[in-house]
C-alpha atoms as a PDB file:
ATOM      1  CA  MET A   1     204.159 215.467-104.206  1.00  0.00           C
ATOM      2  CA  THR A   2     200.930 213.784-105.190  1.00  0.00           C
ATOM      3  CA  ALA A   3     199.100 214.770-108.233  1.00  0.00           C
ATOM      4  CA  VAL A   4     195.364 216.109-107.762  1.00  0.00           C
ATOM      5  CA  LYS A   5     192.853 215.866-110.902  1.00  0.00           C
ATOM      6  CA  PRO A   6     189.965 218.129-110.320  1.00  0.00           C
ATOM      7  CA  ALA A   7     186.337 216.404-110.688  1.00  0.00           C
ATOM      8  CA  ALA A   8     183.873 216.452-113.037  1.00  0.00           C
ATOM      9  CA  ASP A   9     181.988 218.765-110.211  1.00  0.00           C
ATOM     10  CA  GLY A  10     185.041 220.753-109.645  1.00  0.00           C
ATOM     11  CA  SER A  11     185.835 219.061-106.039  1.00  0.00           C
ATOM     12  CA  SER A  12     189.931 217.453-106.767  1.00  0.00           C
ATOM     13  CA  THR A  13     190.693 213.822-106.099  1.00  0.00           C
ATOM     14  CA  SER A  14     194.122 212.899-105.422  1.00  0.00           C
ATOM     15  CA  ASN A  15     195.792 209.216-106.615  1.00  0.00           C
ATOM     16  CA  ALA A  16     197.634 208.726-103.625  1.00  0.00           C
ATOM     17  CA  ALA A  17     196.867 205.541-101.935  1.00  0.00           C
ATOM     18  CA  THR A  18     195.250 205.107 -98.261  1.00  0.00           C
ATOM     19  CA  PRO A  19     195.962 202.656 -96.088  1.00  0.00           C
ATOM     20  CA  ASP A  20     193.406 200.173 -95.483  1.00  0.00           C
ATOM     21  CA  THR A  21     193.035 199.669 -91.901  1.00  0.00           C
ATOM     22  CA  GLY A  22     189.583 197.653 -92.009  1.00  0.00           C
ATOM     23  CA  GLY A  23     192.089 194.740 -92.961  1.00  0.00           C
ATOM     24  CA  THR A  24     193.379 194.552 -89.552  1.00  0.00           C
ATOM     25  CA  ARG A  25     190.903 195.478 -87.386  1.00  0.00           C
ATOM     26  CA  THR A  26     188.386 192.321 -88.938  1.00  0.00           C
ATOM     27  CA  GLY A  27     191.590 190.138 -89.318  1.00  0.00           C
ATOM     28  CA  ARG A  28     192.048 190.181 -85.367  1.00  0.00           C
ATOM     29  CA  PRO A  29     189.099 189.367 -84.553  1.00  0.00           C
ATOM     30  CA  ARG A  30     189.109 186.455 -87.143  1.00  0.00           C
ATOM     31  CA  ARG A  31     192.747 185.212 -85.602  1.00  0.00           C
ATOM     32  CA  LEU A  32     191.238 186.066 -81.962  1.00  0.00           C
ATOM     33  CA  GLY A  33     187.797 183.994 -82.986  1.00  0.00           C
ATOM     34  CA  ARG A  34     189.266 180.604 -84.071  1.00  0.00           C
ATOM     35  CA  PRO A  35     191.213 179.762 -80.744  1.00  0.00           C
ATOM     36  CA  MET A  36     188.134 180.664 -78.701  1.00  0.00           C
ATOM     37  CA  LEU A  37     186.592 178.225 -81.192  1.00  0.00           C
ATOM     38  CA  TYR A  38     188.936 175.952 -80.187  1.00  0.00           C
ATOM     39  CA  LEU A  39     188.997 176.388 -76.758  1.00  0.00           C
ATOM     40  CA  CYS A  40     184.929 175.665 -76.567  1.00  0.00           C
ATOM     41  CA  MET A  41     184.967 172.083 -78.606  1.00  0.00           C
ATOM     42  CA  LEU A  42     187.827 171.128 -76.167  1.00  0.00           C
ATOM     43  CA  ILE A  43     185.725 172.360 -73.249  1.00  0.00           C
ATOM     44  CA  VAL A  44     182.578 170.504 -74.440  1.00  0.00           C
ATOM     45  CA  GLY A  45     184.853 167.541 -75.500  1.00  0.00           C
ATOM     46  CA  VAL A  46     186.394 166.676 -72.094  1.00  0.00           C
ATOM     47  CA  THR A  47     182.983 167.331 -70.238  1.00  0.00           C
ATOM     48  CA  THR A  48     181.170 165.087 -71.800  1.00  0.00           C
ATOM     49  CA  LEU A  49     184.045 162.304 -72.331  1.00  0.00           C
ATOM     50  CA  PHE A  50     184.974 162.953 -68.440  1.00  0.00           C
ATOM     51  CA  PRO A  51     182.171 160.673 -67.203  1.00  0.00           C
ATOM     52  CA  LEU A  52     183.534 157.635 -69.772  1.00  0.00           C
ATOM     53  CA  TYR A  53     187.171 158.464 -68.483  1.00  0.00           C
ATOM     54  CA  TRP A  54     186.305 158.005 -64.887  1.00  0.00           C
ATOM     55  CA  LEU A  55     184.352 154.560 -65.647  1.00  0.00           C
ATOM     56  CA  VAL A  56     187.103 153.466 -67.033  1.00  0.00           C
ATOM     57  CA  ILE A  57     190.008 154.446 -64.578  1.00  0.00           C
ATOM     58  CA  SER A  58     187.322 153.079 -61.476  1.00  0.00           C
ATOM     59  CA  SER A  59     186.691 149.379 -62.743  1.00  0.00           C
ATOM     60  CA  LEU A  60     190.795 149.445 -63.145  1.00  0.00           C
ATOM     61  CA  LYS A  61     190.799 151.010 -59.535  1.00  0.00           C
ATOM     62  CA  THR A  62     191.917 148.640 -55.912  1.00  0.00           C
ATOM     63  CA  PRO A  63     189.109 148.649 -53.355  1.00  0.00           C
ATOM     64  CA  SER A  64     192.266 150.833 -51.160  1.00  0.00           C
ATOM     65  CA  GLU A  65     192.528 153.434 -53.873  1.00  0.00           C
ATOM     66  CA  SER A  66     188.902 153.802 -54.771  1.00  0.00           C
ATOM     67  CA  SER A  67     188.305 155.106 -50.934  1.00  0.00           C
ATOM     68  CA  ALA A  68     191.671 156.973 -51.122  1.00  0.00           C
ATOM     69  CA  ILE A  69     191.330 160.556 -50.442  1.00  0.00           C
ATOM     70  CA  PRO A  70     192.613 162.855 -51.914  1.00  0.00           C
ATOM     71  CA  ILE A  71     191.292 160.943 -55.200  1.00  0.00           C
ATOM     72  CA  THR A  72     193.684 159.180 -57.797  1.00  0.00           C
ATOM     73  CA  TRP A  73     193.267 159.924 -61.486  1.00  0.00           C
ATOM     74  CA  TRP A  74     194.986 157.213 -62.247  1.00  0.00           C
ATOM     75  CA  PRO A  75     195.331 153.927 -60.979  1.00  0.00           C
ATOM     76  CA  HIS A  76     198.589 152.914 -59.639  1.00  0.00           C
ATOM     77  CA  HIS A  77     197.784 149.646 -59.630  1.00  0.00           C
ATOM     78  CA  ILE A  78     196.184 148.641 -62.380  1.00  0.00           C
ATOM     79  CA  ASN A  79     194.065 145.886 -61.180  1.00  0.00           C
ATOM     80  CA  TRP A  80     191.575 143.873 -63.667  1.00  0.00           C
ATOM     81  CA  SER A  81     189.802 141.537 -61.587  1.00  0.00           C
ATOM     82  CA  ALA A  82     187.236 143.556 -61.713  1.00  0.00           C
ATOM     83  CA  TYR A  83     185.906 142.358 -65.036  1.00  0.00           C
ATOM     84  CA  LYS A  84     185.946 138.051 -64.109  1.00  0.00           C
ATOM     85  CA  THR A  85     184.428 139.256 -60.488  1.00  0.00           C
ATOM     86  CA  VAL A  86     181.470 140.993 -62.453  1.00  0.00           C
ATOM     87  CA  PHE A  87     180.214 137.425 -64.052  1.00  0.00           C
ATOM     88  CA  GLN A  88     180.384 135.956 -60.750  1.00  0.00           C
ATOM     89  CA  VAL A  89     177.925 138.040 -58.566  1.00  0.00           C
ATOM     90  CA  VAL A  90     175.583 138.030 -61.208  1.00  0.00           C
ATOM     91  CA  PRO A  91     174.674 136.297 -64.242  1.00  0.00           C
ATOM     92  CA  PHE A  92     176.245 138.882 -66.128  1.00  0.00           C
ATOM     93  CA  GLY A  93     176.888 137.021 -69.647  1.00  0.00           C
ATOM     94  CA  ARG A  94     173.639 134.945 -69.411  1.00  0.00           C
ATOM     95  CA  SER A  95     171.661 138.885 -69.304  1.00  0.00           C
ATOM     96  CA  PHE A  96     173.987 140.498 -71.976  1.00  0.00           C
ATOM     97  CA  LEU A  97     172.759 137.397 -74.553  1.00  0.00           C
ATOM     98  CA  ASN A  98     169.293 138.337 -73.791  1.00  0.00           C
ATOM     99  CA  SER A  99     169.408 142.101 -74.702  1.00  0.00           C
ATOM    100  CA  LEU A 100     171.897 141.373 -77.388  1.00  0.00           C
ATOM    101  CA  PHE A 101     168.999 138.888 -78.571  1.00  0.00           C
ATOM    102  CA  VAL A 102     166.437 141.036 -77.762  1.00  0.00           C
ATOM    103  CA  THR A 103     167.752 144.537 -78.876  1.00  0.00           C
ATOM    104  CA  VAL A 104     168.451 142.898 -82.582  1.00  0.00           C
ATOM    105  CA  ILE A 105     165.102 141.037 -83.391  1.00  0.00           C
ATOM    106  CA  CYS A 106     163.173 144.244 -82.313  1.00  0.00           C
ATOM    107  CA  SER A 107     165.347 147.034 -84.287  1.00  0.00           C
ATOM    108  CA  LEU A 108     165.277 144.694 -87.696  1.00  0.00           C
ATOM    109  CA  SER A 109     161.524 144.018 -86.874  1.00  0.00           C
ATOM    110  CA  VAL A 110     161.119 148.503 -86.403  1.00  0.00           C
ATOM    111  CA  THR A 111     163.165 148.556 -89.316  1.00  0.00           C
ATOM    112  CA  ALA A 112     161.436 146.914 -91.694  1.00  0.00           C
ATOM    113  CA  THR A 113     157.429 147.302 -90.216  1.00  0.00           C
ATOM    114  CA  SER A 114     158.317 151.009 -90.322  1.00  0.00           C
ATOM    115  CA  LEU A 115     159.547 151.180 -93.635  1.00  0.00           C
ATOM    116  CA  LEU A 116     156.555 148.519 -94.881  1.00  0.00           C
ATOM    117  CA  SER A 117     154.057 150.856 -93.146  1.00  0.00           C
ATOM    118  CA  ALA A 118     155.472 154.173 -94.053  1.00  0.00           C
ATOM    119  CA  PHE A 119     155.444 152.914 -98.195  1.00  0.00           C
ATOM    120  CA  VAL A 120     151.877 152.551 -97.298  1.00  0.00           C
ATOM    121  CA  PHE A 121     151.137 156.139 -95.838  1.00  0.00           C
ATOM    122  CA  ALA A 122     153.007 157.755 -98.413  1.00  0.00           C
ATOM    123  CA  LYS A 123     152.636 156.458-101.932  1.00  0.00           C
ATOM    124  CA  TYR A 124     148.837 155.022-101.270  1.00  0.00           C
ATOM    125  CA  ARG A 125     145.928 156.380-101.823  1.00  0.00           C
ATOM    126  CA  PHE A 126     143.126 155.137 -99.232  1.00  0.00           C
ATOM    127  CA  ARG A 127     140.145 156.656 -97.422  1.00  0.00           C
ATOM    128  CA  GLY A 128     140.982 157.483 -93.460  1.00  0.00           C
ATOM    129  CA  ARG A 129     145.050 157.448 -94.569  1.00  0.00           C
ATOM    130  CA  ASP A 130     145.348 160.783 -92.800  1.00  0.00           C
ATOM    131  CA  GLY A 131     143.396 160.492 -89.955  1.00  0.00           C
ATOM    132  CA  LEU A 132     144.822 157.483 -89.182  1.00  0.00           C
ATOM    133  CA  PHE A 133     148.521 158.549 -89.781  1.00  0.00           C
ATOM    134  CA  TRP A 134     147.718 161.139 -87.623  1.00  0.00           C
ATOM    135  CA  LEU A 135     146.548 159.159 -85.173  1.00  0.00           C
ATOM    136  CA  LEU A 136     149.134 156.764 -84.910  1.00  0.00           C
ATOM    137  CA  VAL A 137     151.468 159.765 -84.684  1.00  0.00           C
ATOM    138  CA  LEU A 138     149.489 160.817 -81.355  1.00  0.00           C
ATOM    139  CA  THR A 139     150.540 157.811 -79.637  1.00  0.00           C
ATOM    140  CA  MET A 140     154.178 159.105 -79.697  1.00  0.00           C
ATOM    141  CA  PHE A 141     153.276 161.621 -77.052  1.00  0.00           C
ATOM    142  CA  LEU A 142     152.002 159.107 -75.022  1.00  0.00           C
ATOM    143  CA  PRO A 143     154.941 158.362 -72.043  1.00  0.00           C
ATOM    144  CA  PRO A 144     155.865 154.445 -71.634  1.00  0.00           C
ATOM    145  CA  ILE A 145     154.330 154.276 -68.053  1.00  0.00           C
ATOM    146  CA  VAL A 146     150.776 155.011 -69.085  1.00  0.00           C
ATOM    147  CA  THR A 147     151.376 152.158 -71.108  1.00  0.00           C
ATOM    148  CA  ILE A 148     152.564 149.885 -69.017  1.00  0.00           C
ATOM    149  CA  VAL A 149     149.552 148.188 -67.173  1.00  0.00           C
ATOM    150  CA  PRO A 150     147.498 147.920 -70.433  1.00  0.00           C
ATOM    151  CA  LEU A 151     150.253 146.260 -71.874  1.00  0.00           C
ATOM    152  CA  TYR A 152     150.717 143.717 -69.043  1.00  0.00           C
ATOM    153  CA  ASN A 153     147.136 143.031 -68.797  1.00  0.00           C
ATOM    154  CA  MET A 154     147.249 142.018 -72.639  1.00  0.00           C
ATOM    155  CA  MET A 155     150.536 139.829 -72.089  1.00  0.00           C
ATOM    156  CA  SER A 156     148.822 138.327 -68.901  1.00  0.00           C
ATOM    157  CA  SER A 157     145.484 137.535 -70.866  1.00  0.00           C
ATOM    158  CA  LEU A 158     147.788 135.910 -73.851  1.00  0.00           C
ATOM    159  CA  HIS A 159     149.870 133.668 -71.011  1.00  0.00           C
ATOM    160  CA  LEU A 160     153.099 135.549 -72.128  1.00  0.00           C
ATOM    161  CA  ASN A 161     154.128 136.536 -68.845  1.00  0.00           C
ATOM    162  CA  ASP A 162     157.881 135.131 -67.928  1.00  0.00           C
ATOM    163  CA  SER A 163     158.606 135.076 -71.836  1.00  0.00           C
ATOM    164  CA  TYR A 164     161.202 136.757 -74.450  1.00  0.00           C
ATOM    165  CA  LEU A 165     157.958 136.631 -76.853  1.00  0.00           C
ATOM    166  CA  GLY A 166     155.929 138.454 -73.969  1.00  0.00           C
ATOM    167  CA  LEU A 167     158.852 140.754 -73.934  1.00  0.00           C
ATOM    168  CA  MET A 168     159.309 141.526 -77.478  1.00  0.00           C
ATOM    169  CA  LEU A 169     155.841 141.274 -79.119  1.00  0.00           C
ATOM    170  CA  PRO A 170     155.144 145.152 -77.836  1.00  0.00           C
ATOM    171  CA  TRP A 171     157.991 146.694 -79.372  1.00  0.00           C
ATOM    172  CA  LEU A 172     158.254 144.534 -82.799  1.00  0.00           C
ATOM    173  CA  ALA A 173     156.320 148.317 -84.553  1.00  0.00           C
ATOM    174  CA  ASN A 174     157.194 151.575 -83.518  1.00  0.00           C
ATOM    175  CA  ALA A 175     154.922 154.826 -84.196  1.00  0.00           C
ATOM    176  CA  PHE A 176     158.297 157.331 -84.317  1.00  0.00           C
ATOM    177  CA  GLY A 177     159.586 155.348 -87.016  1.00  0.00           C
ATOM    178  CA  ILE A 178     156.952 155.254 -89.373  1.00  0.00           C
ATOM    179  CA  PHE A 179     156.584 158.630 -88.772  1.00  0.00           C
ATOM    180  CA  LEU A 180     160.428 159.397 -89.699  1.00  0.00           C
ATOM    181  CA  MET A 181     160.611 157.007 -92.755  1.00  0.00           C
ATOM    182  CA  ARG A 182     157.377 158.332 -94.248  1.00  0.00           C
ATOM    183  CA  GLN A 183     158.901 161.600 -94.573  1.00  0.00           C
ATOM    184  CA  PHE A 184     161.422 160.455 -96.633  1.00  0.00           C
ATOM    185  CA  ILE A 185     159.772 158.351 -99.069  1.00  0.00           C
ATOM    186  CA  SER A 186     156.892 161.114 -99.399  1.00  0.00           C
ATOM    187  CA  ASP A 187     160.001 162.884-101.259  1.00  0.00           C
ATOM    188  CA  ILE A 188     160.929 159.696-103.936  1.00  0.00           C
ATOM    189  CA  PRO A 189     159.309 161.003-106.896  1.00  0.00           C
ATOM    190  CA  ASP A 190     156.124 158.853-107.949  1.00  0.00           C
ATOM    191  CA  GLU A 191     157.146 158.849-111.371  1.00  0.00           C
ATOM    192  CA  LEU A 192     160.081 156.316-110.529  1.00  0.00           C
ATOM    193  CA  ILE A 193     157.583 154.188-108.755  1.00  0.00           C
ATOM    194  CA  GLU A 194     155.239 154.283-111.518  1.00  0.00           C
ATOM    195  CA  ALA A 195     157.829 153.069-114.043  1.00  0.00           C
ATOM    196  CA  ALA A 196     158.838 149.865-111.472  1.00  0.00           C
ATOM    197  CA  ARG A 197     155.315 149.147-111.807  1.00  0.00           C
ATOM    198  CA  ILE A 198     155.079 149.423-115.462  1.00  0.00           C
ATOM    199  CA  ASP A 199     158.183 147.248-115.902  1.00  0.00           C
ATOM    200  CA  GLY A 200     156.135 144.363-114.034  1.00  0.00           C
ATOM    201  CA  ALA A 201     157.921 144.954-110.341  1.00  0.00           C
ATOM    202  CA  GLY A 202     155.345 144.014-107.554  1.00  0.00           C
ATOM    203  CA  GLU A 203     155.091 146.040-104.574  1.00  0.00           C
ATOM    204  CA  LEU A 204     157.031 144.565-102.549  1.00  0.00           C
ATOM    205  CA  ARG A 205     160.559 144.546-104.959  1.00  0.00           C
ATOM    206  CA  ILE A 206     160.082 147.971-105.021  1.00  0.00           C
ATOM    207  CA  VAL A 207     160.444 149.013-101.941  1.00  0.00           C
ATOM    208  CA  VAL A 208     163.457 146.286-101.664  1.00  0.00           C
ATOM    209  CA  GLN A 209     164.976 147.448-104.792  1.00  0.00           C
ATOM    210  CA  ILE A 210     163.991 151.105-105.345  1.00  0.00           C
ATOM    211  CA  VAL A 211     163.043 152.693-102.180  1.00  0.00           C
ATOM    212  CA  THR A 212     165.417 151.454 -99.515  1.00  0.00           C
ATOM    213  CA  PRO A 213     168.718 151.899-101.087  1.00  0.00           C
ATOM    214  CA  LEU A 214     167.683 155.378-101.509  1.00  0.00           C
ATOM    215  CA  LEU A 215     166.926 155.413 -97.606  1.00  0.00           C
ATOM    216  CA  LYS A 216     170.318 154.273 -96.582  1.00  0.00           C
ATOM    217  CA  PRO A 217     170.847 157.383 -93.921  1.00  0.00           C
ATOM    218  CA  PRO A 218     167.336 157.978 -92.571  1.00  0.00           C
ATOM    219  CA  LEU A 219     167.214 153.396 -91.902  1.00  0.00           C
ATOM    220  CA  VAL A 220     171.154 153.798 -90.197  1.00  0.00           C
ATOM    221  CA  THR A 221     169.460 156.255 -88.250  1.00  0.00           C
ATOM    222  CA  LEU A 222     166.522 154.674 -86.761  1.00  0.00           C
ATOM    223  CA  LEU A 223     168.771 151.633 -86.723  1.00  0.00           C
ATOM    224  CA  VAL A 224     170.483 153.411 -84.087  1.00  0.00           C
ATOM    225  CA  PHE A 225     168.187 155.063 -82.529  1.00  0.00           C
ATOM    226  CA  THR A 226     166.131 151.736 -81.943  1.00  0.00           C
ATOM    227  CA  THR A 227     169.353 149.669 -81.020  1.00  0.00           C
ATOM    228  CA  VAL A 228     170.258 151.932 -78.456  1.00  0.00           C
ATOM    229  CA  TYR A 229     166.401 152.661 -76.709  1.00  0.00           C
ATOM    230  CA  TYR A 230     165.727 148.869 -76.851  1.00  0.00           C
ATOM    231  CA  TRP A 231     169.316 147.903 -75.264  1.00  0.00           C
ATOM    232  CA  ASN A 232     168.581 150.341 -72.430  1.00  0.00           C
ATOM    233  CA  ASN A 233     165.147 149.389 -71.583  1.00  0.00           C
ATOM    234  CA  PHE A 234     164.418 149.247 -68.513  1.00  0.00           C
ATOM    235  CA  LEU A 235     160.390 149.379 -66.881  1.00  0.00           C
ATOM    236  CA  TRP A 236     158.868 146.744 -69.099  1.00  0.00           C
ATOM    237  CA  PRO A 237     161.691 143.624 -68.652  1.00  0.00           C
ATOM    238  CA  LEU A 238     161.167 144.474 -65.216  1.00  0.00           C
ATOM    239  CA  THR A 239     157.590 144.453 -65.369  1.00  0.00           C
ATOM    240  CA  ILE A 240     156.496 141.455 -67.395  1.00  0.00           C
ATOM    241  CA  LEU A 241     160.029 138.965 -66.419  1.00  0.00           C
ATOM    242  CA  GLN A 242     160.225 137.464 -63.116  1.00  0.00           C
ATOM    243  CA  SER A 243     162.972 134.563 -63.697  1.00  0.00           C
ATOM    244  CA  GLN A 244     166.728 135.842 -63.523  1.00  0.00           C
ATOM    245  CA  GLU A 245     168.086 133.892 -66.560  1.00  0.00           C
ATOM    246  CA  LYS A 246     165.661 136.009 -68.851  1.00  0.00           C
ATOM    247  CA  PHE A 247     166.563 139.562 -67.397  1.00  0.00           C
ATOM    248  CA  PRO A 248     168.502 141.843 -69.671  1.00  0.00           C
ATOM    249  CA  ILE A 249     171.414 143.697 -68.966  1.00  0.00           C
ATOM    250  CA  THR A 250     169.788 146.473 -67.472  1.00  0.00           C
ATOM    251  CA  VAL A 251     167.547 144.723 -64.707  1.00  0.00           C
ATOM    252  CA  THR A 252     171.020 143.034 -63.596  1.00  0.00           C
ATOM    253  CA  LEU A 253     172.980 146.149 -63.513  1.00  0.00           C
ATOM    254  CA  ALA A 254     169.798 147.504 -61.365  1.00  0.00           C
ATOM    255  CA  GLN A 255     170.455 144.390 -59.115  1.00  0.00           C
ATOM    256  CA  LEU A 256     174.666 144.713 -59.265  1.00  0.00           C
ATOM    257  CA  LEU A 257     173.897 148.166 -58.239  1.00  0.00           C
ATOM    258  CA  SER A 258     172.931 146.624 -54.676  1.00  0.00           C
ATOM    259  CA  TYR A 259     177.046 145.990 -54.619  1.00  0.00           C
ATOM    260  CA  ASN A 260     177.954 149.833 -55.288  1.00  0.00           C
ATOM    261  CA  THR A 261     177.681 150.814 -51.237  1.00  0.00           C
ATOM    262  CA  THR A 262     180.766 148.043 -50.872  1.00  0.00           C
ATOM    263  CA  VAL A 263     183.794 149.534 -51.624  1.00  0.00           C
ATOM    264  CA  GLN A 264     184.897 146.327 -52.246  1.00  0.00           C
ATOM    265  CA  TYR A 265     182.919 145.878 -54.867  1.00  0.00           C
ATOM    266  CA  GLN A 266     182.644 149.700 -56.143  1.00  0.00           C
ATOM    267  CA  SER A 267     185.254 148.602 -59.380  1.00  0.00           C
ATOM    268  CA  VAL A 268     183.273 145.804 -60.112  1.00  0.00           C
ATOM    269  CA  VAL A 269     180.071 148.035 -60.471  1.00  0.00           C
ATOM    270  CA  MET A 270     182.043 150.161 -62.936  1.00  0.00           C
ATOM    271  CA  ALA A 271     183.320 147.188 -64.966  1.00  0.00           C
ATOM    272  CA  GLY A 272     179.537 146.010 -65.202  1.00  0.00           C
ATOM    273  CA  VAL A 273     178.339 149.392 -66.133  1.00  0.00           C
ATOM    274  CA  LEU A 274     181.315 149.799 -69.016  1.00  0.00           C
ATOM    275  CA  ILE A 275     180.739 146.162 -70.451  1.00  0.00           C
ATOM    276  CA  ALA A 276     176.814 146.932 -71.117  1.00  0.00           C
ATOM    277  CA  SER A 277     178.043 150.100 -72.694  1.00  0.00           C
ATOM    278  CA  LEU A 278     180.082 148.725 -75.097  1.00  0.00           C
ATOM    279  CA  PRO A 279     177.781 147.937 -77.582  1.00  0.00           C
ATOM    280  CA  THR A 280     175.869 151.084 -78.026  1.00  0.00           C
ATOM    281  CA  LEU A 281     179.396 152.856 -78.506  1.00  0.00           C
ATOM    282  CA  LEU A 282     180.665 150.066 -81.349  1.00  0.00           C
ATOM    283  CA  VAL A 283     177.044 150.843 -82.738  1.00  0.00           C
ATOM    284  CA  PHE A 284     177.328 154.792 -83.354  1.00  0.00           C
ATOM    285  CA  LEU A 285     180.648 154.382 -83.736  1.00  0.00           C
ATOM    286  CA  LEU A 286     180.307 152.122 -86.831  1.00  0.00           C
ATOM    287  CA  ALA A 287     177.365 153.727 -88.176  1.00  0.00           C
ATOM    288  CA  GLN A 288     178.518 157.330 -86.897  1.00  0.00           C
ATOM    289  CA  ARG A 289     179.120 158.579 -90.808  1.00  0.00           C
ATOM    290  CA  VAL A 290     175.798 157.572 -92.014  1.00  0.00           C
ATOM    291  CA  PHE A 291     173.982 158.598 -88.710  1.00  0.00           C
ATOM    292  CA  VAL A 292     175.703 162.091 -89.308  1.00  0.00           C
ATOM    293  CA  ALA A 293     174.444 162.123 -92.598  1.00  0.00           C
ATOM    294  CA  GLY A 294     171.015 161.452 -92.110  1.00  0.00           C
ATOM    295  CA  ILE A 295     170.656 163.421 -88.855  1.00  0.00           C
ATOM    296  CA  ALA A 296     171.805 166.591 -91.040  1.00  0.00           C
ATOM    297  CA  ARG A 297     169.542 165.121 -94.321  1.00  0.00           C
ATOM    298  CA  SER A 298     166.480 165.381 -91.995  1.00  0.00           C
ATOM    299  CA  GLY A 299     167.675 168.770 -90.173  1.00  0.00           C
ATOM    300  CA  VAL A 300     167.324 170.317 -93.590  1.00  0.00           C
ATOM    301  CA  LYS A 301     163.802 169.045 -94.236  1.00  0.00           C
END
């Protein structure tokens, strides 16, 4: 029998332990929720990686397998000849080096100019500073197609058509980079910079030795964004360049796509697209940890 004790208000209470049914009710959804979460992650991952998988296997297929019905999900005979042919039908190697050169110069220039300009907008006080900054931000909302004609006329007046300098000059600075860096530099305490000035440090030394080490995640984030953008830039090179030996990889790939109508060259086109995608994938894989940290930090802000 269970002992019953009278309560202070006259009601009786029992010491018997009551079964906790809430634990099983709340535990079952939790046990079911985790597999469902893994399943959703698997579906998203497969959906995202499937185009890359199809790109790889299509570049390794023979012409007969490329046109086979039903389709083959893995080549029966791996054919590497497409990776050699892609350098023969178009000047793929030269275009790859052109894109690499332009992307490195423009990305480093944007990172440097964004850091210096953002430091001025964040830590200097001068008349018209805020108005100039927001006018700069407004240029981010202009579609690139709107600025193509004015930029082309400007480069023509400077006699920079069909040149590497004309290709790179309009892209050596970027409003988005200045905006992004200013938001992070504004969080750096002014007392830290004033202390460096009192110790005799110049402005450039402050930026290089004090500000830059504190901005590693956003700097890497900006570098990844600019690298992907300038590597994939197509419209401006197509407008300003006429010589095939100066074409970047995007314009050469557009020429290579004309072979896609021929079954014999479908694997060649896929091989070219895969090779052209490797630099951006490599940059992201090398910088993914710092890149994700920068994105997370900007999201918290």
